[in-house]
PDB file of N, CA and C in Angstrom:
ATOM      1  N   MET A   1     -24.274   2.240  -8.273  1.00  0.00           N
ATOM      2  CA  MET A   1     -24.183   3.407  -7.406  1.00  0.00           C
ATOM      3  C   MET A   1     -25.096   4.501  -7.953  1.00  0.00           C
ATOM      4  N   ASN A   2     -25.544   5.322  -7.064  1.00  0.00           N
ATOM      5  CA  ASN A   2     -26.438   6.388  -7.500  1.00  0.00           C
ATOM      6  C   ASN A   2     -25.648   7.637  -7.875  1.00  0.00           C
ATOM      7  N   LYS A   3     -26.340   8.583  -8.438  1.00  0.00           N
ATOM      8  CA  LYS A   3     -25.698   9.777  -9.002  1.00  0.00           C
ATOM      9  C   LYS A   3     -24.956  10.635  -7.969  1.00  0.00           C
ATOM     10  N   PRO A   4     -25.526  10.920  -6.772  1.00  0.00           N
ATOM     11  CA  PRO A   4     -24.770  11.734  -5.807  1.00  0.00           C
ATOM     12  C   PRO A   4     -23.448  11.089  -5.380  1.00  0.00           C
ATOM     13  N   ASN A   5     -23.455   9.767  -5.219  1.00  0.00           N
ATOM     14  CA  ASN A   5     -22.209   9.088  -4.853  1.00  0.00           C
ATOM     15  C   ASN A   5     -21.173   9.194  -5.967  1.00  0.00           C
ATOM     16  N   ASP A   6     -21.623   9.020  -7.208  1.00  0.00           N
ATOM     17  CA  ASP A   6     -20.707   9.140  -8.344  1.00  0.00           C
ATOM     18  C   ASP A   6     -20.128  10.548  -8.435  1.00  0.00           C
ATOM     19  N   GLN A   7     -20.969  11.549  -8.197  1.00  0.00           N
ATOM     20  CA  GLN A   7     -20.488  12.928  -8.241  1.00  0.00           C
ATOM     21  C   GLN A   7     -19.493  13.190  -7.116  1.00  0.00           C
ATOM     22  N   PHE A   8     -19.765  12.646  -5.933  1.00  0.00           N
ATOM     23  CA  PHE A   8     -18.856  12.833  -4.799  1.00  0.00           C
ATOM     24  C   PHE A   8     -17.513  12.168  -5.064  1.00  0.00           C
ATOM     25  N   ILE A   9     -17.555  10.941  -5.579  1.00  0.00           N
ATOM     26  CA  ILE A   9     -16.309  10.227  -5.884  1.00  0.00           C
ATOM     27  C   ILE A   9     -15.535  10.963  -6.971  1.00  0.00           C
ATOM     28  N   GLY A  10     -16.239  11.470  -7.980  1.00  0.00           N
ATOM     29  CA  GLY A  10     -15.576  12.240  -9.030  1.00  0.00           C
ATOM     30  C   GLY A  10     -14.926  13.497  -8.485  1.00  0.00           C
ATOM     31  N   HIS A  11     -15.617  14.168  -7.571  1.00  0.00           N
ATOM     32  CA  HIS A  11     -15.063  15.380  -6.947  1.00  0.00           C
ATOM     33  C   HIS A  11     -13.806  15.046  -6.145  1.00  0.00           C
ATOM     34  N   ILE A  12     -13.857  13.975  -5.369  1.00  0.00           N
ATOM     35  CA  ILE A  12     -12.696  13.564  -4.565  1.00  0.00           C
ATOM     36  C   ILE A  12     -11.522  13.209  -5.471  1.00  0.00           C
ATOM     37  N   LEU A  13     -11.788  12.490  -6.554  1.00  0.00           N
ATOM     38  CA  LEU A  13     -10.713  12.117  -7.479  1.00  0.00           C
ATOM     39  C   LEU A  13     -10.091  13.341  -8.139  1.00  0.00           C
ATOM     40  N   ARG A  14     -10.917  14.293  -8.560  1.00  0.00           N
ATOM     41  CA  ARG A  14     -10.382  15.513  -9.174  1.00  0.00           C
ATOM     42  C   ARG A  14      -9.540  16.300  -8.175  1.00  0.00           C
ATOM     43  N   GLU A  15     -10.041  16.419  -6.953  1.00  0.00           N
ATOM     44  CA  GLU A  15      -9.318  17.183  -5.936  1.00  0.00           C
ATOM     45  C   GLU A  15      -7.993  16.515  -5.578  1.00  0.00           C
ATOM     46  N   SER A  16      -8.011  15.195  -5.430  1.00  0.00           N
ATOM     47  CA  SER A  16      -6.765  14.503  -5.091  1.00  0.00           C
ATOM     48  C   SER A  16      -5.772  14.568  -6.243  1.00  0.00           C
ATOM     49  N   THR A  17      -6.264  14.512  -7.479  1.00  0.00           N
ATOM     50  CA  THR A  17      -5.375  14.636  -8.635  1.00  0.00           C
ATOM     51  C   THR A  17      -4.725  16.014  -8.669  1.00  0.00           C
ATOM     52  N   GLN A  18      -5.488  17.052  -8.377  1.00  0.00           N
ATOM     53  CA  GLN A  18      -4.932  18.406  -8.343  1.00  0.00           C
ATOM     54  C   GLN A  18      -3.878  18.537  -7.248  1.00  0.00           C
ATOM     55  N   GLN A  19      -4.121  17.951  -6.087  1.00  0.00           N
ATOM     56  CA  GLN A  19      -3.149  18.035  -4.999  1.00  0.00           C
ATOM     57  C   GLN A  19      -1.874  17.277  -5.336  1.00  0.00           C
ATOM     58  N   ILE A  20      -2.016  16.126  -5.982  1.00  0.00           N
ATOM     59  CA  ILE A  20      -0.833  15.364  -6.389  1.00  0.00           C
ATOM     60  C   ILE A  20      -0.032  16.142  -7.425  1.00  0.00           C
ATOM     61  N   MET A  21      -0.716  16.780  -8.362  1.00  0.00           N
ATOM     62  CA  MET A  21      -0.017  17.584  -9.367  1.00  0.00           C
ATOM     63  C   MET A  21       0.720  18.752  -8.722  1.00  0.00           C
ATOM     64  N   GLN A  22       0.105  19.416  -7.753  1.00  0.00           N
ATOM     65  CA  GLN A  22       0.770  20.515  -7.049  1.00  0.00           C
ATOM     66  C   GLN A  22       2.002  20.011  -6.306  1.00  0.00           C
ATOM     67  N   LEU A  23       1.885  18.842  -5.696  1.00  0.00           N
ATOM     68  CA  LEU A  23       3.024  18.261  -4.989  1.00  0.00           C
ATOM     69  C   LEU A  23       4.155  17.929  -5.957  1.00  0.00           C
ATOM     70  N   LEU A  24       3.818  17.365  -7.103  1.00  0.00           N
ATOM     71  CA  LEU A  24       4.840  17.039  -8.098  1.00  0.00           C
ATOM     72  C   LEU A  24       5.517  18.288  -8.642  1.00  0.00           C
ATOM     73  N   ILE A  25       4.755  19.336  -8.874  1.00  0.00           N
ATOM     74  CA  ILE A  25       5.341  20.592  -9.359  1.00  0.00           C
ATOM     75  C   ILE A  25       6.291  21.170  -8.317  1.00  0.00           C
ATOM     76  N   ALA A  26       5.890  21.140  -7.042  1.00  0.00           N
ATOM     77  CA  ALA A  26       6.769  21.629  -5.974  1.00  0.00           C
ATOM     78  C   ALA A  26       8.030  20.776  -5.886  1.00  0.00           C
ATOM     79  N   LEU A  27       7.887  19.470  -6.065  1.00  0.00           N
ATOM     80  CA  LEU A  27       9.044  18.573  -6.025  1.00  0.00           C
ATOM     81  C   LEU A  27       9.991  18.857  -7.188  1.00  0.00           C
ATOM     82  N   ILE A  28       9.444  19.106  -8.361  1.00  0.00           N
ATOM     83  CA  ILE A  28      10.281  19.423  -9.523  1.00  0.00           C
ATOM     84  C   ILE A  28      11.038  20.728  -9.303  1.00  0.00           C
ATOM     85  N   HIS A  29      10.366  21.740  -8.765  1.00  0.00           N
ATOM     86  CA  HIS A  29      11.044  23.012  -8.484  1.00  0.00           C
ATOM     87  C   HIS A  29      12.152  22.820  -7.452  1.00  0.00           C
ATOM     88  N   TYR A  30      11.904  22.002  -6.442  1.00  0.00           N
ATOM     89  CA  TYR A  30      12.923  21.749  -5.422  1.00  0.00           C
ATOM     90  C   TYR A  30      14.108  20.999  -6.026  1.00  0.00           C
ATOM     91  N   MET A  31      13.819  20.003  -6.876  1.00  0.00           N
ATOM     92  CA  MET A  31      14.900  19.215  -7.464  1.00  0.00           C
ATOM     93  C   MET A  31      15.736  20.048  -8.434  1.00  0.00           C
ATOM     94  N   MET A  32      15.143  21.054  -9.059  1.00  0.00           N
ATOM     95  CA  MET A  32      15.902  21.909  -9.963  1.00  0.00           C
ATOM     96  C   MET A  32      16.898  22.776  -9.203  1.00  0.00           C
ATOM     97  N   GLN A  33      16.675  22.991  -7.913  1.00  0.00           N
ATOM     98  CA  GLN A  33      17.586  23.799  -7.111  1.00  0.00           C
ATOM     99  C   GLN A  33      18.712  22.967  -6.498  1.00  0.00           C
ATOM    100  N   LEU A  34      18.599  21.640  -6.559  1.00  0.00           N
ATOM    101  CA  LEU A  34      19.620  20.777  -5.963  1.00  0.00           C
ATOM    102  C   LEU A  34      20.863  20.716  -6.844  1.00  0.00           C
ATOM    103  N   SER A  35      21.972  20.400  -6.211  1.00  0.00           N
ATOM    104  CA  SER A  35      23.192  20.183  -6.982  1.00  0.00           C
ATOM    105  C   SER A  35      23.130  18.792  -7.615  1.00  0.00           C
ATOM    106  N   LEU A  36      23.995  18.548  -8.581  1.00  0.00           N
ATOM    107  CA  LEU A  36      23.966  17.279  -9.300  1.00  0.00           C
ATOM    108  C   LEU A  36      24.251  16.082  -8.395  1.00  0.00           C
ATOM    109  N   PRO A  37      25.261  16.109  -7.510  1.00  0.00           N
ATOM    110  CA  PRO A  37      25.475  14.941  -6.636  1.00  0.00           C
ATOM    111  C   PRO A  37      24.275  14.643  -5.728  1.00  0.00           C
ATOM    112  N   ALA A  38      23.634  15.679  -5.216  1.00  0.00           N
ATOM    113  CA  ALA A  38      22.460  15.451  -4.368  1.00  0.00           C
ATOM    114  C   ALA A  38      21.319  14.853  -5.185  1.00  0.00           C
ATOM    115  N   LEU A  39      21.175  15.317  -6.416  1.00  0.00           N
ATOM    116  CA  LEU A  39      20.131  14.790  -7.289  1.00  0.00           C
ATOM    117  C   LEU A  39      20.408  13.330  -7.642  1.00  0.00           C
ATOM    118  N   LEU A  40      21.669  13.013  -7.906  1.00  0.00           N
ATOM    119  CA  LEU A  40      22.026  11.625  -8.203  1.00  0.00           C
ATOM    120  C   LEU A  40      21.789  10.727  -6.998  1.00  0.00           C
ATOM    121  N   LEU A  41      22.103  11.210  -5.805  1.00  0.00           N
ATOM    122  CA  LEU A  41      21.838  10.428  -4.596  1.00  0.00           C
ATOM    123  C   LEU A  41      20.341  10.209  -4.398  1.00  0.00           C
ATOM    124  N   ALA A  42      19.545  11.212  -4.666  1.00  0.00           N
ATOM    125  CA  ALA A  42      18.091  11.071  -4.539  1.00  0.00           C
ATOM    126  C   ALA A  42      17.561  10.041  -5.536  1.00  0.00           C
ATOM    127  N   CYS A  43      18.069  10.077  -6.757  1.00  0.00           N
ATOM    128  CA  CYS A  43      17.646   9.102  -7.767  1.00  0.00           C
ATOM    129  C   CYS A  43      18.081   7.691  -7.389  1.00  0.00           C
ATOM    130  N   LEU A  44      19.279   7.566  -6.855  1.00  0.00           N
ATOM    131  CA  LEU A  44      19.771   6.263  -6.413  1.00  0.00           C
ATOM    132  C   LEU A  44      18.930   5.727  -5.262  1.00  0.00           C
ATOM    133  N   ALA A  45      18.567   6.585  -4.334  1.00  0.00           N
ATOM    134  CA  ALA A  45      17.726   6.162  -3.209  1.00  0.00           C
ATOM    135  C   ALA A  45      16.354   5.709  -3.700  1.00  0.00           C
ATOM    136  N   CYS A  46      15.787   6.431  -4.655  1.00  0.00           N
ATOM    137  CA  CYS A  46      14.486   6.031  -5.212  1.00  0.00           C
ATOM    138  C   CYS A  46      14.594   4.691  -5.935  1.00  0.00           C
ATOM    139  N   ALA A  47      15.676   4.491  -6.678  1.00  0.00           N
ATOM    140  CA  ALA A  47      15.859   3.228  -7.394  1.00  0.00           C
ATOM    141  C   ALA A  47      16.004   2.064  -6.418  1.00  0.00           C
ATOM    142  N   LEU A  48      16.759   2.269  -5.350  1.00  0.00           N
ATOM    143  CA  LEU A  48      16.902   1.209  -4.349  1.00  0.00           C
ATOM    144  C   LEU A  48      15.572   0.904  -3.672  1.00  0.00           C
ATOM    145  N   LEU A  49      14.829   1.931  -3.360  1.00  0.00           N
ATOM    146  CA  LEU A  49      13.528   1.737  -2.723  1.00  0.00           C
ATOM    147  C   LEU A  49      12.583   0.968  -3.642  1.00  0.00           C
ATOM    148  N   LEU A  50      12.581   1.323  -4.923  1.00  0.00           N
ATOM    149  CA  LEU A  50      11.703   0.632  -5.868  1.00  0.00           C
ATOM    150  C   LEU A  50      12.128  -0.813  -6.100  1.00  0.00           C
ATOM    151  N   SER A  51      13.424  -1.106  -5.994  1.00  0.00           N
ATOM    152  CA  SER A  51      13.868  -2.482  -6.190  1.00  0.00           C
ATOM    153  C   SER A  51      13.643  -3.331  -4.944  1.00  0.00           C
ATOM    154  N   ILE A  52      13.631  -2.719  -3.770  1.00  0.00           N
ATOM    155  CA  ILE A  52      13.414  -3.467  -2.531  1.00  0.00           C
ATOM    156  C   ILE A  52      11.920  -3.642  -2.245  1.00  0.00           C
ATOM    157  N   MET A  53      11.096  -2.744  -2.734  1.00  0.00           N
ATOM    158  CA  MET A  53       9.664  -2.759  -2.408  1.00  0.00           C
ATOM    159  C   MET A  53       8.969  -4.074  -2.766  1.00  0.00           C
ATOM    160  N   PRO A  54       9.189  -4.666  -3.950  1.00  0.00           N
ATOM    161  CA  PRO A  54       8.512  -5.944  -4.229  1.00  0.00           C
ATOM    162  C   PRO A  54       8.898  -7.040  -3.236  1.00  0.00           C
ATOM    163  N   PHE A  55      10.151  -7.076  -2.819  1.00  0.00           N
ATOM    164  CA  PHE A  55      10.589  -8.073  -1.842  1.00  0.00           C
ATOM    165  C   PHE A  55       9.861  -7.885  -0.518  1.00  0.00           C
ATOM    166  N   ILE A  56       9.730  -6.637  -0.084  1.00  0.00           N
ATOM    167  CA  ILE A  56       9.025  -6.352   1.170  1.00  0.00           C
ATOM    168  C   ILE A  56       7.558  -6.752   1.047  1.00  0.00           C
ATOM    169  N   LEU A  57       6.938  -6.454  -0.090  1.00  0.00           N
ATOM    170  CA  LEU A  57       5.538  -6.826  -0.287  1.00  0.00           C
ATOM    171  C   LEU A  57       5.349  -8.335  -0.311  1.00  0.00           C
ATOM    172  N   ILE A  58       6.278  -9.060  -0.932  1.00  0.00           N
ATOM    173  CA  ILE A  58       6.194 -10.524  -0.957  1.00  0.00           C
ATOM    174  C   ILE A  58       6.299 -11.079   0.456  1.00  0.00           C
ATOM    175  N   LEU A  59       7.229 -10.548   1.254  1.00  0.00           N
ATOM    176  CA  LEU A  59       7.346 -11.004   2.639  1.00  0.00           C
ATOM    177  C   LEU A  59       6.076 -10.706   3.429  1.00  0.00           C
ATOM    178  N   PHE A  60       5.508  -9.535   3.232  1.00  0.00           N
ATOM    179  CA  PHE A  60       4.292  -9.151   3.949  1.00  0.00           C
ATOM    180  C   PHE A  60       3.124 -10.059   3.566  1.00  0.00           C
ATOM    181  N   ILE A  61       2.971 -10.336   2.272  1.00  0.00           N
ATOM    182  CA  ILE A  61       1.883 -11.206   1.821  1.00  0.00           C
ATOM    183  C   ILE A  61       2.096 -12.628   2.335  1.00  0.00           C
ATOM    184  N   GLY A  62       3.346 -13.088   2.338  1.00  0.00           N
ATOM    185  CA  GLY A  62       3.640 -14.413   2.893  1.00  0.00           C
ATOM    186  C   GLY A  62       3.313 -14.495   4.368  1.00  0.00           C
ATOM    187  N   PHE A  63       3.660 -13.454   5.106  1.00  0.00           N
ATOM    188  CA  PHE A  63       3.340 -13.419   6.533  1.00  0.00           C
ATOM    189  C   PHE A  63       1.835 -13.458   6.754  1.00  0.00           C
ATOM    190  N   LEU A  64       1.091 -12.671   5.984  1.00  0.00           N
ATOM    191  CA  LEU A  64      -0.365 -12.666   6.132  1.00  0.00           C
ATOM    192  C   LEU A  64      -0.968 -14.018   5.765  1.00  0.00           C
ATOM    193  N   ALA A  65      -0.431 -14.673   4.737  1.00  0.00           N
ATOM    194  CA  ALA A  65      -0.942 -15.990   4.347  1.00  0.00           C
ATOM    195  C   ALA A  65      -0.684 -17.015   5.446  1.00  0.00           C
ATOM    196  N   CYS A  66       0.510 -16.987   6.040  1.00  0.00           N
ATOM    197  CA  CYS A  66       0.817 -17.906   7.146  1.00  0.00           C
ATOM    198  C   CYS A  66      -0.092 -17.641   8.340  1.00  0.00           C
ATOM    199  N   LYS A  67      -0.300 -16.386   8.654  1.00  0.00           N
ATOM    200  CA  LYS A  67      -1.168 -16.035   9.783  1.00  0.00           C
ATOM    201  C   LYS A  67      -2.596 -16.508   9.527  1.00  0.00           C
ATOM    202  N   LEU A  68      -3.087 -16.314   8.316  1.00  0.00           N
ATOM    203  CA  LEU A  68      -4.429 -16.767   7.969  1.00  0.00           C
ATOM    204  C   LEU A  68      -4.532 -18.284   8.057  1.00  0.00           C
ATOM    205  N   LEU A  69      -3.501 -18.984   7.611  1.00  0.00           N
ATOM    206  CA  LEU A  69      -3.490 -20.443   7.684  1.00  0.00           C
ATOM    207  C   LEU A  69      -3.521 -20.918   9.129  1.00  0.00           C
ATOM    208  N   VAL A  70      -2.706 -20.309   9.982  1.00  0.00           N
ATOM    209  CA  VAL A  70      -2.677 -20.689  11.395  1.00  0.00           C
ATOM    210  C   VAL A  70      -4.021 -20.404  12.054  1.00  0.00           C
ATOM    211  N   LEU A  71      -4.605 -19.252  11.761  1.00  0.00           N
ATOM    212  CA  LEU A  71      -5.911 -18.925  12.346  1.00  0.00           C
ATOM    213  C   LEU A  71      -7.002 -19.870  11.861  1.00  0.00           C
ATOM    214  N   SER A  72      -6.973 -20.229  10.584  1.00  0.00           N
ATOM    215  CA  SER A  72      -8.010 -21.127  10.065  1.00  0.00           C
ATOM    216  C   SER A  72      -7.849 -22.530  10.628  1.00  0.00           C
ATOM    217  N   ILE A  73      -6.609 -22.989  10.822  1.00  0.00           N
ATOM    218  CA  ILE A  73      -6.390 -24.305  11.428  1.00  0.00           C
ATOM    219  C   ILE A  73      -6.866 -24.295  12.876  1.00  0.00           C
ATOM    220  N   GLY A  74      -6.563 -23.225  13.595  1.00  0.00           N
ATOM    221  CA  GLY A  74      -7.012 -23.115  14.984  1.00  0.00           C
ATOM    222  C   GLY A  74      -8.522 -23.090  15.086  1.00  0.00           C
ATOM    223  N   THR A  75      -9.175 -22.379  14.185  1.00  0.00           N
ATOM    224  CA  THR A  75     -10.638 -22.309  14.193  1.00  0.00           C
ATOM    225  C   THR A  75     -11.240 -23.665  13.837  1.00  0.00           C
ATOM    226  N   ALA A  76     -10.646 -24.350  12.854  1.00  0.00           N
ATOM    227  CA  ALA A  76     -11.150 -25.667  12.460  1.00  0.00           C
ATOM    228  C   ALA A  76     -10.983 -26.668  13.595  1.00  0.00           C
ATOM    229  N   THR A  77      -9.857 -26.615  14.293  1.00  0.00           N
ATOM    230  CA  THR A  77      -9.619 -27.521  15.416  1.00  0.00           C
ATOM    231  C   THR A  77     -10.608 -27.246  16.539  1.00  0.00           C
ATOM    232  N   LYS A  78     -10.837 -25.984  16.834  1.00  0.00           N
ATOM    233  CA  LYS A  78     -11.777 -25.624  17.897  1.00  0.00           C
ATOM    234  C   LYS A  78     -13.191 -26.051  17.524  1.00  0.00           C
ATOM    235  N   THR A  79     -13.568 -25.867  16.265  1.00  0.00           N
ATOM    236  CA  THR A  79     -14.902 -26.271  15.813  1.00  0.00           C
ATOM    237  C   THR A  79     -15.060 -27.783  15.894  1.00  0.00           C
ATOM    238  N   ALA A  80     -14.016 -28.519  15.502  1.00  0.00           N
ATOM    239  CA  ALA A  80     -14.081 -29.982  15.555  1.00  0.00           C
ATOM    240  C   ALA A  80     -14.195 -30.470  16.994  1.00  0.00           C
ATOM    241  N   SER A  81     -13.438 -29.872  17.906  1.00  0.00           N
ATOM    242  CA  SER A  81     -13.508 -30.304  19.307  1.00  0.00           C
ATOM    243  C   SER A  81     -14.855 -29.935  19.924  1.00  0.00           C
ATOM    244  N   ASP A  82     -15.409 -28.786  19.541  1.00  0.00           N
ATOM    245  CA  ASP A  82     -16.732 -28.399  20.043  1.00  0.00           C
ATOM    246  C   ASP A  82     -17.808 -29.346  19.524  1.00  0.00           C
ATOM    247  N   THR A  83     -17.666 -29.792  18.275  1.00  0.00           N
ATOM    248  CA  THR A  83     -18.642 -30.711  17.693  1.00  0.00           C
ATOM    249  C   THR A  83     -18.587 -32.064  18.392  1.00  0.00           C
ATOM    250  N   LYS A  84     -17.375 -32.542  18.703  1.00  0.00           N
ATOM    251  CA  LYS A  84     -17.228 -33.829  19.387  1.00  0.00           C
ATOM    252  C   LYS A  84     -17.817 -33.779  20.791  1.00  0.00           C
ATOM    253  N   GLN A  85     -17.724 -32.637  21.451  1.00  0.00           N
ATOM    254  CA  GLN A  85     -18.232 -32.507  22.812  1.00  0.00           C
ATOM    255  C   GLN A  85     -19.735 -32.262  22.823  1.00  0.00           C
ATOM    256  N   GLY A  86     -20.335 -32.046  21.671  1.00  0.00           N
ATOM    257  CA  GLY A  86     -21.777 -31.860  21.584  1.00  0.00           C
ATOM    258  C   GLY A  86     -22.246 -30.473  21.926  1.00  0.00           C
ATOM    259  N   ARG A  87     -21.416 -29.487  21.758  1.00  0.00           N
ATOM    260  CA  ARG A  87     -21.811 -28.104  22.064  1.00  0.00           C
ATOM    261  C   ARG A  87     -22.525 -27.476  20.922  1.00  0.00           C
TER     262      ARG A  87
END
């Protein structure tokens, strides 16, 4: 990559990092104002989401793999039939 692209990517990364840090600081300030039961519920919800996420990703990747397999078989069948017909 050339220098202007590297500088642009570096600028975007710095800016996005600053925005993420601002968001995290705002989230920390908000969480400090919550009561303990609400904070515990939020932590429990995050833990459940993090434990379910790999399962959802595995299902999604499996679905995409099956779809790719079906599409490739269909394309191979169509190519074979076109070859037999002399097209």
